[in-house]
Full PDB file with SEQRES, HELIX, SHEET, SSBOND, CRYST1, ORIGX, SCALE, CONECT and MASTER records, all heavy atoms in Angstrom:
SEQRES   1 A   36  GLU ALA ALA THR ILE ILE MET VAL ALA ILE ALA LEU VAL          
SEQRES   2 A   36  SER LEU ALA THR GLU LYS ARG ALA PHE SER PHE LEU PRO          
SEQRES   3 A   36  GLN GLU LYS ARG ALA ALA LEU LEU LEU VAL                      
HELIX    1 AA1 ALA A    2  THR A   17  1                                  16    
HELIX    2 AA2 PRO A   26  LEU A   35  1                                  10    
CRYST1    1.000    1.000    1.000  90.00  90.00  90.00 P 1           1          
ORIGX1      1.000000  0.000000  0.000000        0.00000                         
ORIGX2      0.000000  1.000000  0.000000        0.00000                         
ORIGX3      0.000000  0.000000  1.000000        0.00000                         
SCALE1      1.000000  0.000000  0.000000        0.00000                         
SCALE2      0.000000  1.000000  0.000000        0.00000                         
SCALE3      0.000000  0.000000  1.000000        0.00000                         
ATOM      1  N   GLU A   1     104.596 -18.754 -23.738  1.00  0.00           N  
ATOM      2  CA  GLU A   1     104.133 -20.143 -23.653  1.00  0.00           C  
ATOM      3  C   GLU A   1     103.436 -20.559 -24.944  1.00  0.00           C  
ATOM      4  O   GLU A   1     103.650 -21.675 -25.439  1.00  0.00           O  
ATOM      5  CB  GLU A   1     103.182 -20.321 -22.467  1.00  0.00           C  
ATOM      6  CG  GLU A   1     103.844 -20.282 -21.115  1.00  0.00           C  
ATOM      7  CD  GLU A   1     103.937 -18.876 -20.542  1.00  0.00           C  
ATOM      8  OE1 GLU A   1     103.631 -17.913 -21.296  1.00  0.00           O  
ATOM      9  OE2 GLU A   1     104.353 -18.737 -19.375  1.00  0.00           O  
ATOM     10  N   ALA A   2     102.602 -19.655 -25.494  1.00  0.00           N  
ATOM     11  CA  ALA A   2     101.893 -19.968 -26.729  1.00  0.00           C  
ATOM     12  C   ALA A   2     102.876 -20.172 -27.881  1.00  0.00           C  
ATOM     13  O   ALA A   2     102.718 -21.090 -28.688  1.00  0.00           O  
ATOM     14  CB  ALA A   2     100.915 -18.840 -27.072  1.00  0.00           C  
ATOM     15  N   ALA A   3     103.906 -19.322 -27.945  1.00  0.00           N  
ATOM     16  CA  ALA A   3     104.910 -19.454 -28.999  1.00  0.00           C  
ATOM     17  C   ALA A   3     105.636 -20.789 -28.896  1.00  0.00           C  
ATOM     18  O   ALA A   3     105.902 -21.448 -29.909  1.00  0.00           O  
ATOM     19  CB  ALA A   3     105.909 -18.301 -28.915  1.00  0.00           C  
ATOM     20  N   THR A   4     105.960 -21.198 -27.667  1.00  0.00           N  
ATOM     21  CA  THR A   4     106.636 -22.483 -27.463  1.00  0.00           C  
ATOM     22  C   THR A   4     105.757 -23.635 -27.929  1.00  0.00           C  
ATOM     23  O   THR A   4     106.223 -24.550 -28.633  1.00  0.00           O  
ATOM     24  CB  THR A   4     106.997 -22.668 -25.984  1.00  0.00           C  
ATOM     25  OG1 THR A   4     107.799 -21.572 -25.550  1.00  0.00           O  
ATOM     26  CG2 THR A   4     107.751 -23.970 -25.765  1.00  0.00           C  
ATOM     27  N   ILE A   5     104.495 -23.602 -27.547  1.00  0.00           N  
ATOM     28  CA  ILE A   5     103.572 -24.678 -27.935  1.00  0.00           C  
ATOM     29  C   ILE A   5     103.390 -24.728 -29.444  1.00  0.00           C  
ATOM     30  O   ILE A   5     103.352 -25.814 -30.052  1.00  0.00           O  
ATOM     31  CB  ILE A   5     102.213 -24.480 -27.224  1.00  0.00           C  
ATOM     32  CG1 ILE A   5     102.375 -24.674 -25.711  1.00  0.00           C  
ATOM     33  CG2 ILE A   5     101.158 -25.428 -27.776  1.00  0.00           C  
ATOM     34  CD1 ILE A   5     101.157 -24.288 -24.904  1.00  0.00           C  
ATOM     35  N   ILE A   6     103.297 -23.556 -30.083  1.00  0.00           N  
ATOM     36  CA  ILE A   6     103.144 -23.509 -31.542  1.00  0.00           C  
ATOM     37  C   ILE A   6     104.350 -24.142 -32.227  1.00  0.00           C  
ATOM     38  O   ILE A   6     104.212 -24.971 -33.147  1.00  0.00           O  
ATOM     39  CB  ILE A   6     102.967 -22.049 -32.016  1.00  0.00           C  
ATOM     40  CG1 ILE A   6     101.581 -21.526 -31.607  1.00  0.00           C  
ATOM     41  CG2 ILE A   6     103.130 -21.947 -33.534  1.00  0.00           C  
ATOM     42  CD1 ILE A   6     101.409 -20.037 -31.828  1.00  0.00           C  
ATOM     43  N   MET A   7     105.558 -23.779 -31.784  1.00  0.00           N  
ATOM     44  CA  MET A   7     106.770 -24.319 -32.399  1.00  0.00           C  
ATOM     45  C   MET A   7     106.887 -25.828 -32.169  1.00  0.00           C  
ATOM     46  O   MET A   7     107.290 -26.572 -33.061  1.00  0.00           O  
ATOM     47  CB  MET A   7     108.002 -23.589 -31.868  1.00  0.00           C  
ATOM     48  CG  MET A   7     108.205 -22.220 -32.496  1.00  0.00           C  
ATOM     49  SD  MET A   7     109.853 -21.518 -32.219  1.00  0.00           S  
ATOM     50  CE  MET A   7     109.712 -21.006 -30.526  1.00  0.00           C  
ATOM     51  N   VAL A   8     106.518 -26.273 -30.968  1.00  0.00           N  
ATOM     52  CA  VAL A   8     106.573 -27.710 -30.682  1.00  0.00           C  
ATOM     53  C   VAL A   8     105.581 -28.469 -31.562  1.00  0.00           C  
ATOM     54  O   VAL A   8     105.917 -29.520 -32.124  1.00  0.00           O  
ATOM     55  CB  VAL A   8     106.269 -27.971 -29.188  1.00  0.00           C  
ATOM     56  CG1 VAL A   8     106.044 -29.453 -28.931  1.00  0.00           C  
ATOM     57  CG2 VAL A   8     107.419 -27.466 -28.326  1.00  0.00           C  
ATOM     58  N   ALA A   9     104.365 -27.943 -31.707  1.00  0.00           N  
ATOM     59  CA  ALA A   9     103.348 -28.601 -32.535  1.00  0.00           C  
ATOM     60  C   ALA A   9     103.805 -28.703 -33.991  1.00  0.00           C  
ATOM     61  O   ALA A   9     103.695 -29.767 -34.623  1.00  0.00           O  
ATOM     62  CB  ALA A   9     102.029 -27.843 -32.446  1.00  0.00           C  
ATOM     63  N   ILE A  10     104.320 -27.616 -34.545  1.00  0.00           N  
ATOM     64  CA  ILE A  10     104.779 -27.625 -35.935  1.00  0.00           C  
ATOM     65  C   ILE A  10     105.980 -28.556 -36.093  1.00  0.00           C  
ATOM     66  O   ILE A  10     106.105 -29.281 -37.088  1.00  0.00           O  
ATOM     67  CB  ILE A  10     105.138 -26.200 -36.400  1.00  0.00           C  
ATOM     68  CG1 ILE A  10     103.882 -25.338 -36.418  1.00  0.00           C  
ATOM     69  CG2 ILE A  10     105.796 -26.214 -37.771  1.00  0.00           C  
ATOM     70  CD1 ILE A  10     104.130 -23.888 -36.784  1.00  0.00           C  
ATOM     71  N   ALA A  11     106.871 -28.574 -35.102  1.00  0.00           N  
ATOM     72  CA  ALA A  11     108.044 -29.458 -35.157  1.00  0.00           C  
ATOM     73  C   ALA A  11     107.621 -30.918 -35.154  1.00  0.00           C  
ATOM     74  O   ALA A  11     108.172 -31.738 -35.908  1.00  0.00           O  
ATOM     75  CB  ALA A  11     108.962 -29.171 -33.977  1.00  0.00           C  
ATOM     76  N   LEU A  12     106.634 -31.261 -34.305  1.00  0.00           N  
ATOM     77  CA  LEU A  12     106.174 -32.651 -34.242  1.00  0.00           C  
ATOM     78  C   LEU A  12     105.512 -33.068 -35.558  1.00  0.00           C  
ATOM     79  O   LEU A  12     105.733 -34.200 -36.039  1.00  0.00           O  
ATOM     80  CB  LEU A  12     105.189 -32.813 -33.083  1.00  0.00           C  
ATOM     81  CG  LEU A  12     105.792 -32.717 -31.669  1.00  0.00           C  
ATOM     82  CD1 LEU A  12     104.694 -32.778 -30.615  1.00  0.00           C  
ATOM     83  CD2 LEU A  12     106.806 -33.826 -31.449  1.00  0.00           C  
ATOM     84  N   VAL A  13     104.703 -32.179 -36.135  1.00  0.00           N  
ATOM     85  CA  VAL A  13     104.076 -32.477 -37.427  1.00  0.00           C  
ATOM     86  C   VAL A  13     105.145 -32.648 -38.496  1.00  0.00           C  
ATOM     87  O   VAL A  13     105.072 -33.554 -39.333  1.00  0.00           O  
ATOM     88  CB  VAL A  13     103.078 -31.360 -37.813  1.00  0.00           C  
ATOM     89  CG1 VAL A  13     102.599 -31.540 -39.246  1.00  0.00           C  
ATOM     90  CG2 VAL A  13     101.901 -31.343 -36.854  1.00  0.00           C  
ATOM     91  N   SER A  14     106.133 -31.774 -38.482  1.00  0.00           N  
ATOM     92  CA  SER A  14     107.215 -31.851 -39.458  1.00  0.00           C  
ATOM     93  C   SER A  14     107.994 -33.153 -39.333  1.00  0.00           C  
ATOM     94  O   SER A  14     108.293 -33.811 -40.344  1.00  0.00           O  
ATOM     95  CB  SER A  14     108.150 -30.647 -39.271  1.00  0.00           C  
ATOM     96  OG  SER A  14     109.220 -30.700 -40.175  1.00  0.00           O  
ATOM     97  N   LEU A  15     108.299 -33.548 -38.121  1.00  0.00           N  
ATOM     98  CA  LEU A  15     109.034 -34.792 -37.914  1.00  0.00           C  
ATOM     99  C   LEU A  15     108.209 -36.013 -38.330  1.00  0.00           C  
ATOM    100  O   LEU A  15     108.759 -36.998 -38.826  1.00  0.00           O  
ATOM    101  CB  LEU A  15     109.435 -34.925 -36.432  1.00  0.00           C  
ATOM    102  CG  LEU A  15     110.522 -33.968 -35.934  1.00  0.00           C  
ATOM    103  CD1 LEU A  15     110.694 -34.105 -34.419  1.00  0.00           C  
ATOM    104  CD2 LEU A  15     111.853 -34.229 -36.630  1.00  0.00           C  
ATOM    105  N   ALA A  16     106.885 -35.927 -38.141  1.00  0.00           N  
ATOM    106  CA  ALA A  16     106.020 -37.058 -38.456  1.00  0.00           C  
ATOM    107  C   ALA A  16     105.768 -37.208 -39.946  1.00  0.00           C  
ATOM    108  O   ALA A  16     105.551 -38.312 -40.448  1.00  0.00           O  
ATOM    109  CB  ALA A  16     104.682 -36.910 -37.720  1.00  0.00           C  
ATOM    110  N   THR A  17     105.809 -36.090 -40.689  1.00  0.00           N  
ATOM    111  CA  THR A  17     105.469 -36.135 -42.105  1.00  0.00           C  
ATOM    112  C   THR A  17     106.675 -36.155 -43.039  1.00  0.00           C  
ATOM    113  O   THR A  17     106.547 -36.513 -44.207  1.00  0.00           O  
ATOM    114  CB  THR A  17     104.597 -34.915 -42.466  1.00  0.00           C  
ATOM    115  OG1 THR A  17     105.286 -33.706 -42.095  1.00  0.00           O  
ATOM    116  CG2 THR A  17     103.264 -34.979 -41.740  1.00  0.00           C  
ATOM    117  N   GLU A  18     107.831 -35.763 -42.538  1.00  0.00           N  
ATOM    118  CA  GLU A  18     109.028 -35.743 -43.374  1.00  0.00           C  
ATOM    119  C   GLU A  18     109.559 -37.148 -43.591  1.00  0.00           C  
ATOM    120  O   GLU A  18     109.650 -37.946 -42.653  1.00  0.00           O  
ATOM    121  CB  GLU A  18     110.126 -34.888 -42.725  1.00  0.00           C  
ATOM    122  CG  GLU A  18     109.838 -33.395 -42.772  1.00  0.00           C  
ATOM    123  CD  GLU A  18     110.059 -32.801 -44.157  1.00  0.00           C  
ATOM    124  OE1 GLU A  18     110.716 -33.467 -44.983  1.00  0.00           O  
ATOM    125  OE2 GLU A  18     109.568 -31.690 -44.408  1.00  0.00           O  
ATOM    126  N   LYS A  19     109.903 -37.464 -44.824  1.00  0.00           N  
ATOM    127  CA  LYS A  19     110.460 -38.786 -45.123  1.00  0.00           C  
ATOM    128  C   LYS A  19     111.887 -38.904 -44.614  1.00  0.00           C  
ATOM    129  O   LYS A  19     112.303 -39.963 -44.128  1.00  0.00           O  
ATOM    130  CB  LYS A  19     110.434 -39.017 -46.635  1.00  0.00           C  
ATOM    131  CG  LYS A  19     109.019 -39.113 -47.208  1.00  0.00           C  
ATOM    132  CD  LYS A  19     109.063 -39.376 -48.707  1.00  0.00           C  
ATOM    133  CE  LYS A  19     107.639 -39.467 -49.269  1.00  0.00           C  
ATOM    134  NZ  LYS A  19     107.651 -39.704 -50.737  1.00  0.00           N  
ATOM    135  N   ARG A  20     112.627 -37.840 -44.709  1.00  0.00           N  
ATOM    136  CA  ARG A  20     114.005 -37.855 -44.250  1.00  0.00           C  
ATOM    137  C   ARG A  20     114.055 -37.552 -42.753  1.00  0.00           C  
ATOM    138  O   ARG A  20     113.582 -36.523 -42.302  1.00  0.00           O  
ATOM    139  CB  ARG A  20     114.836 -36.822 -45.024  1.00  0.00           C  
ATOM    140  CG  ARG A  20     116.315 -36.854 -44.673  1.00  0.00           C  
ATOM    141  CD  ARG A  20     117.070 -35.834 -45.506  1.00  0.00           C  
ATOM    142  NE  ARG A  20     118.486 -35.813 -45.159  1.00  0.00           N  
ATOM    143  CZ  ARG A  20     119.369 -34.999 -45.716  1.00  0.00           C  
ATOM    144  NH1 ARG A  20     118.967 -34.133 -46.657  1.00  0.00           N  
ATOM    145  NH2 ARG A  20     120.636 -35.039 -45.347  1.00  0.00           N  
ATOM    146  N   ALA A  21     114.594 -38.464 -42.000  1.00  0.00           N  
ATOM    147  CA  ALA A  21     114.629 -38.314 -40.552  1.00  0.00           C  
ATOM    148  C   ALA A  21     115.556 -37.177 -40.135  1.00  0.00           C  
ATOM    149  O   ALA A  21     116.596 -36.957 -40.751  1.00  0.00           O  
ATOM    150  CB  ALA A  21     115.081 -39.618 -39.900  1.00  0.00           C  
ATOM    151  N   PHE A  22     115.140 -36.470 -39.103  1.00  0.00           N  
ATOM    152  CA  PHE A  22     115.969 -35.397 -38.551  1.00  0.00           C  
ATOM    153  C   PHE A  22     116.787 -35.957 -37.408  1.00  0.00           C  
ATOM    154  O   PHE A  22     116.256 -36.653 -36.530  1.00  0.00           O  
ATOM    155  CB  PHE A  22     115.082 -34.250 -38.058  1.00  0.00           C  
ATOM    156  CG  PHE A  22     115.859 -33.130 -37.434  1.00  0.00           C  
ATOM    157  CD1 PHE A  22     116.434 -32.150 -38.214  1.00  0.00           C  
ATOM    158  CD2 PHE A  22     116.010 -33.062 -36.057  1.00  0.00           C  
ATOM    159  CE1 PHE A  22     117.146 -31.105 -37.638  1.00  0.00           C  
ATOM    160  CE2 PHE A  22     116.719 -32.034 -35.470  1.00  0.00           C  
ATOM    161  CZ  PHE A  22     117.287 -31.043 -36.271  1.00  0.00           C  
ATOM    162  N   SER A  23     118.057 -35.680 -37.395  1.00  0.00           N  
ATOM    163  CA  SER A  23     118.919 -36.223 -36.350  1.00  0.00           C  
ATOM    164  C   SER A  23     119.404 -35.117 -35.422  1.00  0.00           C  
ATOM    165  O   SER A  23     119.901 -34.082 -35.884  1.00  0.00           O  
ATOM    166  CB  SER A  23     120.135 -36.928 -36.967  1.00  0.00           C  
ATOM    167  OG  SER A  23     120.875 -36.044 -37.772  1.00  0.00           O  
ATOM    168  N   PHE A  24     119.235 -35.324 -34.132  1.00  0.00           N  
ATOM    169  CA  PHE A  24     119.739 -34.403 -33.135  1.00  0.00           C  
ATOM    170  C   PHE A  24     121.201 -34.720 -32.833  1.00  0.00           C  
ATOM    171  O   PHE A  24     121.630 -35.878 -32.948  1.00  0.00           O  
ATOM    172  CB  PHE A  24     118.911 -34.496 -31.847  1.00  0.00           C  
ATOM    173  CG  PHE A  24     117.537 -33.927 -31.963  1.00  0.00           C  
ATOM    174  CD1 PHE A  24     116.438 -34.761 -32.150  1.00  0.00           C  
ATOM    175  CD2 PHE A  24     117.326 -32.554 -31.914  1.00  0.00           C  
ATOM    176  CE1 PHE A  24     115.161 -34.237 -32.265  1.00  0.00           C  
ATOM    177  CE2 PHE A  24     116.050 -32.018 -32.026  1.00  0.00           C  
ATOM    178  CZ  PHE A  24     114.970 -32.867 -32.203  1.00  0.00           C  
ATOM    179  N   LEU A  25     121.939 -33.736 -32.444  1.00  0.00           N  
ATOM    180  CA  LEU A  25     123.340 -33.903 -32.107  1.00  0.00           C  
ATOM    181  C   LEU A  25     123.467 -34.687 -30.797  1.00  0.00           C  
ATOM    182  O   LEU A  25     122.573 -34.638 -29.953  1.00  0.00           O  
ATOM    183  CB  LEU A  25     124.020 -32.552 -31.953  1.00  0.00           C  
ATOM    184  CG  LEU A  25     124.077 -31.657 -33.197  1.00  0.00           C  
ATOM    185  CD1 LEU A  25     124.638 -30.281 -32.830  1.00  0.00           C  
ATOM    186  CD2 LEU A  25     124.922 -32.292 -34.283  1.00  0.00           C  
ATOM    187  N   PRO A  26     124.590 -35.402 -30.606  1.00  0.00           N  
ATOM    188  CA  PRO A  26     124.803 -36.115 -29.333  1.00  0.00           C  
ATOM    189  C   PRO A  26     124.714 -35.170 -28.129  1.00  0.00           C  
ATOM    190  O   PRO A  26     124.195 -35.553 -27.084  1.00  0.00           O  
ATOM    191  CB  PRO A  26     126.207 -36.686 -29.497  1.00  0.00           C  
ATOM    192  CG  PRO A  26     126.403 -36.811 -30.974  1.00  0.00           C  
ATOM    193  CD  PRO A  26     125.666 -35.666 -31.575  1.00  0.00           C  
ATOM    194  N   GLN A  27     125.234 -33.951 -28.286  1.00  0.00           N  
ATOM    195  CA  GLN A  27     125.177 -32.983 -27.181  1.00  0.00           C  
ATOM    196  C   GLN A  27     123.738 -32.598 -26.857  1.00  0.00           C  
ATOM    197  O   GLN A  27     123.388 -32.388 -25.687  1.00  0.00           O  
ATOM    198  CB  GLN A  27     125.981 -31.726 -27.536  1.00  0.00           C  
ATOM    199  CG  GLN A  27     127.473 -31.898 -27.554  1.00  0.00           C  
ATOM    200  CD  GLN A  27     127.980 -32.558 -28.843  1.00  0.00           C  
ATOM    201  OE1 GLN A  27     127.192 -32.849 -29.755  1.00  0.00           O  
ATOM    202  NE2 GLN A  27     129.264 -32.771 -28.927  1.00  0.00           N  
ATOM    203  N   GLU A  28     122.893 -32.508 -27.889  1.00  0.00           N  
ATOM    204  CA  GLU A  28     121.488 -32.171 -27.662  1.00  0.00           C  
ATOM    205  C   GLU A  28     120.768 -33.313 -26.960  1.00  0.00           C  
ATOM    206  O   GLU A  28     119.926 -33.086 -26.079  1.00  0.00           O  
ATOM    207  CB  GLU A  28     120.823 -31.854 -29.006  1.00  0.00           C  
ATOM    208  CG  GLU A  28     121.341 -30.567 -29.635  1.00  0.00           C  
ATOM    209  CD  GLU A  28     120.915 -30.390 -31.079  1.00  0.00           C  
ATOM    210  OE1 GLU A  28     120.491 -31.385 -31.707  1.00  0.00           O  
ATOM    211  OE2 GLU A  28     121.048 -29.260 -31.590  1.00  0.00           O  
ATOM    212  N   LYS A  29     121.102 -34.533 -27.313  1.00  0.00           N  
ATOM    213  CA  LYS A  29     120.501 -35.689 -26.651  1.00  0.00           C  
ATOM    214  C   LYS A  29     120.920 -35.756 -25.190  1.00  0.00           C  
ATOM    215  O   LYS A  29     120.098 -36.032 -24.308  1.00  0.00           O  
ATOM    216  CB  LYS A  29     120.895 -36.967 -27.392  1.00  0.00           C  
ATOM    217  CG  LYS A  29     120.335 -37.075 -28.799  1.00  0.00           C  
ATOM    218  CD  LYS A  29     120.831 -38.327 -29.505  1.00  0.00           C  
ATOM    219  CE  LYS A  29     120.296 -38.401 -30.931  1.00  0.00           C  
ATOM    220  NZ  LYS A  29     120.785 -39.599 -31.638  1.00  0.00           N  
ATOM    221  N   ARG A  30     122.201 -35.505 -24.932  1.00  0.00           N  
ATOM    222  CA  ARG A  30     122.667 -35.524 -23.536  1.00  0.00           C  
ATOM    223  C   ARG A  30     122.031 -34.393 -22.743  1.00  0.00           C  
ATOM    224  O   ARG A  30     121.670 -34.570 -21.567  1.00  0.00           O  
ATOM    225  CB  ARG A  30     124.191 -35.418 -23.488  1.00  0.00           C  
ATOM    226  CG  ARG A  30     124.902 -36.684 -23.946  1.00  0.00           C  
ATOM    227  CD  ARG A  30     126.356 -36.672 -23.498  1.00  0.00           C  
ATOM    228  NE  ARG A  30     127.142 -35.637 -24.159  1.00  0.00           N  
ATOM    229  CZ  ARG A  30     127.821 -35.809 -25.282  1.00  0.00           C  
ATOM    230  NH1 ARG A  30     127.813 -36.990 -25.904  1.00  0.00           N  
ATOM    231  NH2 ARG A  30     128.522 -34.822 -25.809  1.00  0.00           N  
ATOM    232  N   ALA A  31     121.890 -33.220 -23.388  1.00  0.00           N  
ATOM    233  CA  ALA A  31     121.244 -32.094 -22.714  1.00  0.00           C  
ATOM    234  C   ALA A  31     119.796 -32.436 -22.360  1.00  0.00           C  
ATOM    235  O   ALA A  31     119.315 -32.109 -21.270  1.00  0.00           O  
ATOM    236  CB  ALA A  31     121.292 -30.848 -23.608  1.00  0.00           C  
ATOM    237  N   ALA A  32     119.095 -33.106 -23.282  1.00  0.00           N  
ATOM    238  CA  ALA A  32     117.708 -33.500 -23.032  1.00  0.00           C  
ATOM    239  C   ALA A  32     117.620 -34.483 -21.860  1.00  0.00           C  
ATOM    240  O   ALA A  32     116.736 -34.363 -20.998  1.00  0.00           O  
ATOM    241  CB  ALA A  32     117.105 -34.123 -24.288  1.00  0.00           C  
ATOM    242  N   LEU A  33     118.539 -35.440 -21.803  1.00  0.00           N  
ATOM    243  CA  LEU A  33     118.547 -36.416 -20.703  1.00  0.00           C  
ATOM    244  C   LEU A  33     118.835 -35.724 -19.368  1.00  0.00           C  
ATOM    245  O   LEU A  33     118.201 -36.036 -18.347  1.00  0.00           O  
ATOM    246  CB  LEU A  33     119.593 -37.499 -20.974  1.00  0.00           C  
ATOM    247  CG  LEU A  33     119.243 -38.494 -22.090  1.00  0.00           C  
ATOM    248  CD1 LEU A  33     120.420 -39.430 -22.343  1.00  0.00           C  
ATOM    249  CD2 LEU A  33     118.001 -39.296 -21.723  1.00  0.00           C  
ATOM    250  N   LEU A  34     119.766 -34.779 -19.384  1.00  0.00           N  
ATOM    251  CA  LEU A  34     120.092 -34.040 -18.162  1.00  0.00           C  
ATOM    252  C   LEU A  34     118.897 -33.202 -17.702  1.00  0.00           C  
ATOM    253  O   LEU A  34     118.632 -33.085 -16.495  1.00  0.00           O  
ATOM    254  CB  LEU A  34     121.304 -33.154 -18.381  1.00  0.00           C  
ATOM    255  CG  LEU A  34     122.656 -33.885 -18.465  1.00  0.00           C  
ATOM    256  CD1 LEU A  34     123.725 -32.955 -19.023  1.00  0.00           C  
ATOM    257  CD2 LEU A  34     123.071 -34.388 -17.075  1.00  0.00           C  
ATOM    258  N   LEU A  35     118.172 -32.637 -18.666  1.00  0.00           N  
ATOM    259  CA  LEU A  35     117.004 -31.836 -18.308  1.00  0.00           C  
ATOM    260  C   LEU A  35     115.899 -32.717 -17.725  1.00  0.00           C  
ATOM    261  O   LEU A  35     115.221 -32.328 -16.761  1.00  0.00           O  
ATOM    262  CB  LEU A  35     116.487 -31.082 -19.536  1.00  0.00           C  
ATOM    263  CG  LEU A  35     115.462 -29.973 -19.268  1.00  0.00           C  
ATOM    264  CD1 LEU A  35     116.046 -28.915 -18.329  1.00  0.00           C  
ATOM    265  CD2 LEU A  35     115.011 -29.333 -20.558  1.00  0.00           C  
ATOM    266  N   VAL A  36     115.714 -33.905 -18.304  1.00  0.00           N  
ATOM    267  CA  VAL A  36     114.743 -34.851 -17.759  1.00  0.00           C  
ATOM    268  C   VAL A  36     115.127 -35.240 -16.332  1.00  0.00           C  
ATOM    269  O   VAL A  36     114.269 -35.303 -15.426  1.00  0.00           O  
ATOM    270  CB  VAL A  36     114.641 -36.107 -18.648  1.00  0.00           C  
ATOM    271  CG1 VAL A  36     113.827 -37.203 -17.962  1.00  0.00           C  
ATOM    272  CG2 VAL A  36     114.012 -35.751 -19.998  1.00  0.00           C  
TER     273      VAL A  36                                                      
MASTER        0    0    0    2    0    0    0    6  272    1    0    3          
END                                                                             
């Protein structure tokens, strides 16, 4: 659980500070919607 939280926190900081936007694949977006 701690490892997951650490990776999520670093990923969010990275996405917020990077000038170049990171794009998820359509399959990843659909997978996220299905999981929700």
